[in-house]
Amino acid sequence: MSHGTPAAAKDRAQYGVCAVLALAGVLVIADSLGITHLTSSNDPIGPRPVPVILGVCLLGVAIGYAADVARGGRGEPEPGEDVDLTTRADWRTVLLLIGVFLLNVALIDWLGWVVSGSILFWGAAFALGNRHHVRGLLIAVTLALVTFYAFAIGLGVNLPAGVLRGIL
């Protein structure tokens, strides 16, 4: 029940964010307890403490955030935000973006990251209003190749090569 002033009204939706943070913390802690590691002279602690600390931090943030919300704390709106909240959502753009992401999920194993990522980047740019199709495609292919090799060389993570296996 509102008391007539916006400051008195509590933003109950923020409690959902608190709950998600707390759930994430509990899940991280529970999952980390399943890590088995024999200590050695080279690694006396093992890998378990880092996720436990992360989970405890998530729980701490959730509790602190919930306390702030309970005291009436609210985030200040961005003064430079240029979103007109009175206009309707652009469902065409949202649906195009969802379609492009689902297409990427469906094609990544078969076509590989470079091809499906190019489609993803080009499709997202198109959905968001880019109408320079050739330039957009060139940028999309470049982004897909750069991310493919950044993951492979920089992180040691092999993304699927798909139809370009043996070429990349």
N, C-alpha and C. Protein backbone atom coordinates (compact mmCIF):
# COMPACT_ATOMS: atom_id res chain seq x y z
N MET A 1 0.85 -1.16 0.00
CA MET A 1 0.00 0.00 0.00
C MET A 1 0.89 1.22 0.00
N SER A 2 0.64 2.13 -0.90
CA SER A 2 1.43 3.33 -1.03
C SER A 2 0.91 4.39 -0.08
N HIS A 3 1.80 5.19 0.46
CA HIS A 3 1.44 6.26 1.38
C HIS A 3 1.38 7.60 0.66
N GLY A 4 1.24 7.59 -0.64
CA GLY A 4 1.07 8.81 -1.40
C GLY A 4 2.35 9.40 -1.96
N THR A 5 3.51 8.99 -1.47
CA THR A 5 4.75 9.51 -2.00
C THR A 5 5.54 8.38 -2.63
N PRO A 6 6.20 8.67 -3.73
CA PRO A 6 6.96 7.61 -4.38
C PRO A 6 8.08 7.07 -3.49
N ALA A 7 8.66 7.91 -2.62
CA ALA A 7 9.75 7.45 -1.78
C ALA A 7 9.28 6.43 -0.75
N ALA A 8 8.00 6.55 -0.34
CA ALA A 8 7.48 5.63 0.67
C ALA A 8 7.15 4.26 0.08
N ALA A 9 6.91 4.20 -1.21
CA ALA A 9 6.57 2.93 -1.86
C ALA A 9 7.83 2.09 -2.01
N LYS A 10 7.74 0.84 -1.60
CA LYS A 10 8.88 -0.06 -1.75
C LYS A 10 8.80 -0.74 -3.12
N ASP A 11 9.94 -0.90 -3.73
CA ASP A 11 10.01 -1.54 -5.04
C ASP A 11 10.13 -3.04 -4.81
N ARG A 12 8.98 -3.72 -4.71
CA ARG A 12 8.95 -5.14 -4.36
C ARG A 12 9.60 -6.02 -5.44
N ALA A 13 9.66 -5.54 -6.66
CA ALA A 13 10.28 -6.34 -7.72
C ALA A 13 11.76 -6.56 -7.43
N GLN A 14 12.38 -5.66 -6.69
CA GLN A 14 13.79 -5.82 -6.37
C GLN A 14 14.05 -7.00 -5.46
N TYR A 15 13.02 -7.41 -4.71
CA TYR A 15 13.18 -8.61 -3.88
C TYR A 15 13.39 -9.85 -4.76
N GLY A 16 12.85 -9.83 -5.96
CA GLY A 16 13.09 -10.92 -6.91
C GLY A 16 14.56 -11.00 -7.29
N VAL A 17 15.17 -9.84 -7.49
CA VAL A 17 16.60 -9.81 -7.79
C VAL A 17 17.39 -10.36 -6.59
N CYS A 18 16.98 -9.97 -5.39
CA CYS A 18 17.63 -10.48 -4.17
C CYS A 18 17.51 -12.00 -4.11
N ALA A 19 16.33 -12.52 -4.42
CA ALA A 19 16.10 -13.96 -4.37
C ALA A 19 16.97 -14.69 -5.40
N VAL A 20 17.10 -14.13 -6.60
CA VAL A 20 17.93 -14.76 -7.63
C VAL A 20 19.39 -14.76 -7.19
N LEU A 21 19.87 -13.65 -6.61
CA LEU A 21 21.24 -13.60 -6.12
C LEU A 21 21.47 -14.63 -5.01
N ALA A 22 20.51 -14.72 -4.09
CA ALA A 22 20.64 -15.68 -2.99
C ALA A 22 20.62 -17.12 -3.52
N LEU A 23 19.73 -17.40 -4.45
CA LEU A 23 19.67 -18.74 -5.04
C LEU A 23 20.98 -19.07 -5.76
N ALA A 24 21.52 -18.11 -6.50
CA ALA A 24 22.80 -18.33 -7.18
C ALA A 24 23.89 -18.62 -6.16
N GLY A 25 23.91 -17.87 -5.06
CA GLY A 25 24.91 -18.12 -4.02
C GLY A 25 24.80 -19.50 -3.42
N VAL A 26 23.58 -19.92 -3.12
CA VAL A 26 23.36 -21.25 -2.55
C VAL A 26 23.78 -22.34 -3.55
N LEU A 27 23.42 -22.16 -4.81
CA LEU A 27 23.78 -23.16 -5.83
C LEU A 27 25.29 -23.25 -6.02
N VAL A 28 25.97 -22.10 -6.01
CA VAL A 28 27.42 -22.11 -6.17
C VAL A 28 28.08 -22.82 -4.98
N ILE A 29 27.61 -22.52 -3.78
CA ILE A 29 28.18 -23.17 -2.59
C ILE A 29 27.90 -24.67 -2.63
N ALA A 30 26.66 -25.06 -2.93
CA ALA A 30 26.30 -26.48 -2.97
C ALA A 30 27.12 -27.22 -4.02
N ASP A 31 27.29 -26.60 -5.18
CA ASP A 31 28.06 -27.24 -6.24
C ASP A 31 29.53 -27.35 -5.86
N SER A 32 30.05 -26.34 -5.19
CA SER A 32 31.46 -26.37 -4.82
C SER A 32 31.76 -27.43 -3.77
N LEU A 33 30.77 -27.78 -2.96
CA LEU A 33 30.99 -28.80 -1.95
C LEU A 33 31.19 -30.18 -2.58
N GLY A 34 30.78 -30.34 -3.82
CA GLY A 34 30.97 -31.60 -4.52
C GLY A 34 32.33 -31.73 -5.18
N ILE A 35 33.14 -30.69 -5.11
CA ILE A 35 34.47 -30.74 -5.72
C ILE A 35 35.37 -31.61 -4.85
N THR A 36 35.92 -32.64 -5.48
CA THR A 36 36.85 -33.50 -4.74
C THR A 36 38.26 -33.17 -5.20
N HIS A 37 39.13 -33.04 -4.22
CA HIS A 37 40.51 -32.70 -4.54
C HIS A 37 41.40 -33.20 -3.41
N LEU A 38 42.40 -33.91 -3.78
CA LEU A 38 43.37 -34.35 -2.79
C LEU A 38 44.41 -33.25 -2.65
N THR A 39 44.66 -32.83 -1.43
CA THR A 39 45.66 -31.79 -1.21
C THR A 39 47.05 -32.35 -1.45
N SER A 40 47.92 -31.50 -1.86
CA SER A 40 49.31 -31.88 -2.08
C SER A 40 50.19 -30.73 -1.62
N SER A 41 51.48 -30.95 -1.66
CA SER A 41 52.39 -29.89 -1.24
C SER A 41 52.36 -28.72 -2.22
N ASN A 42 52.02 -29.01 -3.47
CA ASN A 42 51.94 -27.94 -4.48
C ASN A 42 50.64 -27.16 -4.38
N ASP A 43 49.58 -27.82 -3.89
CA ASP A 43 48.27 -27.17 -3.82
C ASP A 43 47.58 -27.62 -2.53
N PRO A 44 47.94 -27.02 -1.40
CA PRO A 44 47.39 -27.50 -0.12
C PRO A 44 45.92 -27.13 0.08
N ILE A 45 45.42 -26.13 -0.62
CA ILE A 45 44.04 -25.69 -0.42
C ILE A 45 43.08 -26.37 -1.38
N GLY A 46 43.45 -26.49 -2.62
CA GLY A 46 42.58 -27.08 -3.63
C GLY A 46 41.67 -26.05 -4.27
N PRO A 47 40.80 -26.48 -5.17
CA PRO A 47 39.96 -25.55 -5.93
C PRO A 47 38.67 -25.14 -5.23
N ARG A 48 38.32 -25.75 -4.11
CA ARG A 48 37.03 -25.51 -3.47
C ARG A 48 36.85 -24.10 -2.88
N PRO A 49 37.84 -23.48 -2.25
CA PRO A 49 37.59 -22.20 -1.58
C PRO A 49 37.10 -21.07 -2.48
N VAL A 50 37.56 -21.00 -3.69
CA VAL A 50 37.15 -19.88 -4.56
C VAL A 50 35.64 -19.88 -4.82
N PRO A 51 35.03 -20.99 -5.25
CA PRO A 51 33.58 -20.95 -5.44
C PRO A 51 32.81 -20.78 -4.13
N VAL A 52 33.35 -21.29 -3.02
CA VAL A 52 32.67 -21.09 -1.74
C VAL A 52 32.67 -19.61 -1.39
N ILE A 53 33.82 -18.96 -1.55
CA ILE A 53 33.91 -17.51 -1.27
C ILE A 53 32.97 -16.74 -2.19
N LEU A 54 32.92 -17.11 -3.47
CA LEU A 54 32.02 -16.45 -4.42
C LEU A 54 30.57 -16.63 -4.00
N GLY A 55 30.20 -17.83 -3.60
CA GLY A 55 28.83 -18.09 -3.15
C GLY A 55 28.47 -17.29 -1.91
N VAL A 56 29.40 -17.22 -0.95
CA VAL A 56 29.17 -16.44 0.26
C VAL A 56 29.03 -14.96 -0.09
N CYS A 57 29.84 -14.48 -1.02
CA CYS A 57 29.74 -13.08 -1.45
C CYS A 57 28.38 -12.82 -2.11
N LEU A 58 27.91 -13.74 -2.93
CA LEU A 58 26.59 -13.59 -3.55
C LEU A 58 25.49 -13.53 -2.49
N LEU A 59 25.59 -14.38 -1.49
CA LEU A 59 24.62 -14.34 -0.39
C LEU A 59 24.70 -13.01 0.36
N GLY A 60 25.91 -12.53 0.60
CA GLY A 60 26.08 -11.25 1.27
C GLY A 60 25.49 -10.10 0.49
N VAL A 61 25.70 -10.09 -0.81
CA VAL A 61 25.12 -9.04 -1.66
C VAL A 61 23.59 -9.14 -1.62
N ALA A 62 23.05 -10.35 -1.68
CA ALA A 62 21.60 -10.52 -1.65
C ALA A 62 21.02 -9.99 -0.34
N ILE A 63 21.66 -10.30 0.76
CA ILE A 63 21.18 -9.84 2.07
C ILE A 63 21.28 -8.32 2.18
N GLY A 64 22.42 -7.78 1.78
CA GLY A 64 22.60 -6.33 1.83
C GLY A 64 21.62 -5.59 0.93
N TYR A 65 21.40 -6.12 -0.24
CA TYR A 65 20.47 -5.51 -1.19
C TYR A 65 19.04 -5.57 -0.65
N ALA A 66 18.66 -6.72 -0.07
CA ALA A 66 17.32 -6.86 0.51
C ALA A 66 17.13 -5.88 1.67
N ALA A 67 18.17 -5.69 2.48
CA ALA A 67 18.07 -4.73 3.59
C ALA A 67 17.91 -3.31 3.05
N ASP A 68 18.63 -2.99 1.99
CA ASP A 68 18.51 -1.65 1.39
C ASP A 68 17.12 -1.43 0.81
N VAL A 69 16.59 -2.43 0.14
CA VAL A 69 15.24 -2.32 -0.42
C VAL A 69 14.21 -2.18 0.70
N ALA A 70 14.40 -2.93 1.79
CA ALA A 70 13.46 -2.86 2.92
C ALA A 70 13.46 -1.47 3.57
N ARG A 71 14.62 -0.81 3.54
CA ARG A 71 14.70 0.55 4.09
C ARG A 71 14.20 1.60 3.11
N GLY A 72 13.73 1.17 1.94
CA GLY A 72 13.21 2.12 0.95
C GLY A 72 14.22 2.58 -0.07
N GLY A 73 15.37 1.93 -0.12
CA GLY A 73 16.40 2.30 -1.09
C GLY A 73 15.93 2.04 -2.51
N ARG A 74 16.20 2.98 -3.37
CA ARG A 74 15.83 2.84 -4.78
C ARG A 74 16.97 3.37 -5.62
N GLY A 75 17.16 2.77 -6.76
CA GLY A 75 18.17 3.25 -7.69
C GLY A 75 17.70 4.54 -8.35
N GLU A 76 18.63 5.44 -8.54
CA GLU A 76 18.31 6.69 -9.21
C GLU A 76 18.25 6.45 -10.71
N PRO A 77 17.23 7.00 -11.39
CA PRO A 77 17.19 6.84 -12.84
C PRO A 77 18.36 7.56 -13.50
N GLU A 78 18.83 6.98 -14.55
CA GLU A 78 19.92 7.57 -15.32
C GLU A 78 19.44 8.91 -15.90
N PRO A 79 20.11 10.01 -15.58
CA PRO A 79 19.63 11.30 -16.08
C PRO A 79 19.76 11.44 -17.59
N GLY A 80 20.70 10.73 -18.18
CA GLY A 80 20.89 10.84 -19.62
C GLY A 80 20.12 9.80 -20.41
N GLU A 81 19.30 9.02 -19.75
CA GLU A 81 18.57 7.95 -20.43
C GLU A 81 17.58 8.57 -21.42
N ASP A 82 17.59 8.07 -22.63
CA ASP A 82 16.72 8.64 -23.66
C ASP A 82 15.60 7.69 -24.07
N VAL A 83 15.20 6.80 -23.18
CA VAL A 83 14.13 5.87 -23.47
C VAL A 83 12.80 6.51 -23.09
N ASP A 84 11.88 6.52 -24.03
CA ASP A 84 10.55 7.06 -23.77
C ASP A 84 9.68 5.92 -23.26
N LEU A 85 9.38 5.93 -21.96
CA LEU A 85 8.63 4.84 -21.35
C LEU A 85 7.16 4.83 -21.74
N THR A 86 6.70 5.85 -22.45
CA THR A 86 5.30 5.89 -22.86
C THR A 86 5.08 5.18 -24.19
N THR A 87 6.15 4.85 -24.90
CA THR A 87 5.99 4.17 -26.19
C THR A 87 5.92 2.66 -25.98
N ARG A 88 5.31 1.98 -26.93
CA ARG A 88 5.18 0.53 -26.87
C ARG A 88 6.50 -0.14 -27.23
N ALA A 89 6.63 -1.38 -26.81
CA ALA A 89 7.82 -2.16 -27.14
C ALA A 89 7.83 -2.45 -28.64
N ASP A 90 9.02 -2.50 -29.20
CA ASP A 90 9.18 -2.83 -30.61
C ASP A 90 9.31 -4.35 -30.73
N TRP A 91 8.15 -5.03 -30.79
CA TRP A 91 8.13 -6.49 -30.78
C TRP A 91 8.75 -7.08 -32.02
N ARG A 92 8.73 -6.39 -33.13
CA ARG A 92 9.36 -6.90 -34.35
C ARG A 92 10.86 -7.08 -34.12
N THR A 93 11.50 -6.07 -33.53
CA THR A 93 12.92 -6.14 -33.24
C THR A 93 13.22 -7.25 -32.23
N VAL A 94 12.43 -7.33 -31.19
CA VAL A 94 12.63 -8.36 -30.16
C VAL A 94 12.50 -9.74 -30.77
N LEU A 95 11.47 -9.96 -31.58
CA LEU A 95 11.25 -11.28 -32.20
C LEU A 95 12.35 -11.61 -33.21
N LEU A 96 12.81 -10.62 -33.96
CA LEU A 96 13.92 -10.86 -34.89
C LEU A 96 15.19 -11.26 -34.13
N LEU A 97 15.47 -10.58 -33.02
CA LEU A 97 16.65 -10.93 -32.23
C LEU A 97 16.53 -12.33 -31.64
N ILE A 98 15.37 -12.66 -31.12
CA ILE A 98 15.15 -14.01 -30.58
C ILE A 98 15.33 -15.04 -31.69
N GLY A 99 14.78 -14.77 -32.87
CA GLY A 99 14.92 -15.69 -33.99
C GLY A 99 16.36 -15.90 -34.40
N VAL A 100 17.14 -14.81 -34.43
CA VAL A 100 18.55 -14.91 -34.82
C VAL A 100 19.32 -15.73 -33.79
N PHE A 101 19.05 -15.52 -32.50
CA PHE A 101 19.73 -16.29 -31.47
C PHE A 101 19.36 -17.76 -31.55
N LEU A 102 18.08 -18.07 -31.76
CA LEU A 102 17.66 -19.46 -31.87
C LEU A 102 18.24 -20.11 -33.12
N LEU A 103 18.33 -19.36 -34.21
CA LEU A 103 18.95 -19.88 -35.43
C LEU A 103 20.42 -20.21 -35.17
N ASN A 104 21.11 -19.36 -34.43
CA ASN A 104 22.50 -19.62 -34.08
C ASN A 104 22.62 -20.90 -33.25
N VAL A 105 21.74 -21.07 -32.29
CA VAL A 105 21.76 -22.28 -31.45
C VAL A 105 21.54 -23.52 -32.32
N ALA A 106 20.64 -23.42 -33.27
CA ALA A 106 20.33 -24.58 -34.12
C ALA A 106 21.45 -24.90 -35.11
N LEU A 107 22.20 -23.89 -35.55
CA LEU A 107 23.18 -24.10 -36.61
C LEU A 107 24.63 -24.23 -36.15
N ILE A 108 24.93 -23.85 -34.92
CA ILE A 108 26.33 -23.76 -34.51
C ILE A 108 27.08 -25.09 -34.61
N ASP A 109 26.45 -26.18 -34.23
CA ASP A 109 27.15 -27.48 -34.30
C ASP A 109 27.35 -27.93 -35.74
N TRP A 110 26.38 -27.68 -36.58
CA TRP A 110 26.45 -28.16 -37.96
C TRP A 110 27.33 -27.25 -38.82
N LEU A 111 27.07 -25.94 -38.79
CA LEU A 111 27.83 -25.00 -39.63
C LEU A 111 29.12 -24.52 -38.98
N GLY A 112 29.18 -24.54 -37.65
CA GLY A 112 30.35 -24.04 -36.95
C GLY A 112 30.16 -22.60 -36.53
N TRP A 113 31.03 -22.15 -35.62
CA TRP A 113 30.91 -20.81 -35.06
C TRP A 113 31.09 -19.72 -36.10
N VAL A 114 32.04 -19.85 -36.98
CA VAL A 114 32.31 -18.75 -37.91
C VAL A 114 31.09 -18.47 -38.79
N VAL A 115 30.46 -19.49 -39.31
CA VAL A 115 29.28 -19.28 -40.17
C VAL A 115 28.07 -18.87 -39.33
N SER A 116 27.79 -19.62 -38.27
CA SER A 116 26.61 -19.29 -37.46
C SER A 116 26.81 -17.98 -36.72
N GLY A 117 28.03 -17.69 -36.28
CA GLY A 117 28.31 -16.42 -35.62
C GLY A 117 28.17 -15.25 -36.58
N SER A 118 28.58 -15.46 -37.83
CA SER A 118 28.40 -14.41 -38.84
C SER A 118 26.91 -14.13 -39.05
N ILE A 119 26.12 -15.18 -39.13
CA ILE A 119 24.68 -15.01 -39.28
C ILE A 119 24.11 -14.30 -38.05
N LEU A 120 24.58 -14.69 -36.85
CA LEU A 120 24.13 -14.07 -35.61
C LEU A 120 24.45 -12.58 -35.60
N PHE A 121 25.70 -12.22 -35.88
CA PHE A 121 26.09 -10.81 -35.84
C PHE A 121 25.38 -10.00 -36.92
N TRP A 122 25.30 -10.55 -38.14
CA TRP A 122 24.63 -9.83 -39.22
C TRP A 122 23.14 -9.69 -38.92
N GLY A 123 22.52 -10.77 -38.45
CA GLY A 123 21.09 -10.74 -38.14
C GLY A 123 20.76 -9.78 -37.02
N ALA A 124 21.61 -9.74 -35.99
CA ALA A 124 21.37 -8.80 -34.88
C ALA A 124 21.51 -7.37 -35.37
N ALA A 125 22.50 -7.10 -36.20
CA ALA A 125 22.66 -5.75 -36.74
C ALA A 125 21.45 -5.37 -37.61
N PHE A 126 20.97 -6.32 -38.41
CA PHE A 126 19.79 -6.06 -39.24
C PHE A 126 18.57 -5.78 -38.37
N ALA A 127 18.37 -6.60 -37.34
CA ALA A 127 17.22 -6.43 -36.46
C ALA A 127 17.26 -5.08 -35.75
N LEU A 128 18.45 -4.60 -35.47
CA LEU A 128 18.60 -3.33 -34.77
C LEU A 128 18.66 -2.13 -35.70
N GLY A 129 18.48 -2.37 -37.00
CA GLY A 129 18.32 -1.26 -37.93
C GLY A 129 19.40 -1.04 -38.96
N ASN A 130 20.44 -1.85 -38.99
CA ASN A 130 21.49 -1.68 -39.99
C ASN A 130 20.96 -2.07 -41.37
N ARG A 131 21.08 -1.20 -42.33
CA ARG A 131 20.62 -1.51 -43.68
C ARG A 131 21.76 -1.48 -44.70
N HIS A 132 23.01 -1.47 -44.21
CA HIS A 132 24.18 -1.60 -45.08
C HIS A 132 24.57 -3.08 -45.07
N HIS A 133 23.88 -3.86 -45.91
CA HIS A 133 23.97 -5.32 -45.83
C HIS A 133 25.36 -5.87 -46.11
N VAL A 134 26.03 -5.37 -47.14
CA VAL A 134 27.35 -5.91 -47.48
C VAL A 134 28.36 -5.54 -46.41
N ARG A 135 28.36 -4.27 -46.00
CA ARG A 135 29.28 -3.84 -44.95
C ARG A 135 28.98 -4.59 -43.65
N GLY A 136 27.71 -4.75 -43.33
CA GLY A 136 27.32 -5.48 -42.12
C GLY A 136 27.79 -6.92 -42.17
N LEU A 137 27.69 -7.55 -43.33
CA LEU A 137 28.15 -8.94 -43.48
C LEU A 137 29.66 -9.04 -43.34
N LEU A 138 30.39 -8.10 -43.92
CA LEU A 138 31.85 -8.10 -43.78
C LEU A 138 32.27 -7.92 -42.32
N ILE A 139 31.61 -7.03 -41.62
CA ILE A 139 31.91 -6.82 -40.20
C ILE A 139 31.54 -8.06 -39.40
N ALA A 140 30.40 -8.69 -39.73
CA ALA A 140 29.96 -9.89 -39.02
C ALA A 140 30.96 -11.03 -39.19
N VAL A 141 31.42 -11.25 -40.41
CA VAL A 141 32.40 -12.31 -40.67
C VAL A 141 33.70 -12.02 -39.93
N THR A 142 34.12 -10.76 -39.95
CA THR A 142 35.34 -10.37 -39.24
C THR A 142 35.20 -10.63 -37.74
N LEU A 143 34.08 -10.23 -37.16
CA LEU A 143 33.84 -10.47 -35.73
C LEU A 143 33.84 -11.96 -35.41
N ALA A 144 33.20 -12.76 -36.26
CA ALA A 144 33.15 -14.20 -36.03
C ALA A 144 34.54 -14.82 -36.10
N LEU A 145 35.33 -14.42 -37.07
CA LEU A 145 36.69 -14.95 -37.19
C LEU A 145 37.56 -14.51 -36.02
N VAL A 146 37.47 -13.24 -35.65
CA VAL A 146 38.27 -12.74 -34.53
C VAL A 146 37.91 -13.47 -33.24
N THR A 147 36.61 -13.64 -32.98
CA THR A 147 36.22 -14.34 -31.75
C THR A 147 36.61 -15.82 -31.81
N PHE A 148 36.53 -16.43 -32.99
CA PHE A 148 36.92 -17.84 -33.14
C PHE A 148 38.38 -18.01 -32.74
N TYR A 149 39.25 -17.19 -33.30
CA TYR A 149 40.67 -17.31 -33.03
C TYR A 149 41.04 -16.78 -31.65
N ALA A 150 40.32 -15.80 -31.13
CA ALA A 150 40.57 -15.31 -29.77
C ALA A 150 40.29 -16.41 -28.75
N PHE A 151 39.21 -17.14 -28.97
CA PHE A 151 38.91 -18.25 -28.07
C PHE A 151 39.94 -19.37 -28.24
N ALA A 152 40.28 -19.70 -29.49
CA ALA A 152 41.19 -20.82 -29.75
C ALA A 152 42.61 -20.50 -29.27
N ILE A 153 43.13 -19.35 -29.63
CA ILE A 153 44.52 -19.03 -29.32
C ILE A 153 44.63 -18.40 -27.93
N GLY A 154 43.77 -17.44 -27.65
CA GLY A 154 43.88 -16.70 -26.40
C GLY A 154 43.42 -17.48 -25.18
N LEU A 155 42.35 -18.25 -25.32
CA LEU A 155 41.79 -18.96 -24.18
C LEU A 155 41.98 -20.47 -24.23
N GLY A 156 42.38 -20.98 -25.38
CA GLY A 156 42.54 -22.42 -25.51
C GLY A 156 41.22 -23.16 -25.58
N VAL A 157 40.15 -22.47 -25.96
CA VAL A 157 38.82 -23.06 -26.07
C VAL A 157 38.49 -23.19 -27.55
N ASN A 158 38.23 -24.40 -27.99
CA ASN A 158 37.92 -24.62 -29.40
C ASN A 158 36.43 -24.50 -29.63
N LEU A 159 36.03 -23.51 -30.38
CA LEU A 159 34.64 -23.38 -30.81
C LEU A 159 34.43 -24.32 -31.98
N PRO A 160 33.18 -24.75 -32.22
CA PRO A 160 32.96 -25.68 -33.32
C PRO A 160 33.33 -25.07 -34.68
N ALA A 161 34.05 -25.84 -35.48
CA ALA A 161 34.44 -25.37 -36.80
C ALA A 161 33.40 -25.71 -37.85
N GLY A 162 32.62 -26.76 -37.62
CA GLY A 162 31.52 -27.12 -38.53
C GLY A 162 32.01 -27.42 -39.93
N VAL A 163 31.36 -26.82 -40.90
CA VAL A 163 31.67 -27.08 -42.30
C VAL A 163 33.05 -26.55 -42.69
N LEU A 164 33.64 -25.70 -41.87
CA LEU A 164 34.97 -25.15 -42.18
C LEU A 164 36.09 -25.92 -41.49
N ARG A 165 35.77 -27.11 -40.95
CA ARG A 165 36.79 -27.93 -40.30
C ARG A 165 37.88 -28.27 -41.32
N GLY A 166 39.12 -28.10 -40.92
CA GLY A 166 40.25 -28.34 -41.81
C GLY A 166 40.67 -27.10 -42.56
N ILE A 167 39.80 -26.10 -42.64
CA ILE A 167 40.14 -24.84 -43.31
C ILE A 167 40.62 -23.82 -42.29
N LEU A 168 39.96 -23.80 -41.13
CA LEU A 168 40.31 -22.80 -40.10
C LEU A 168 41.50 -23.23 -39.29
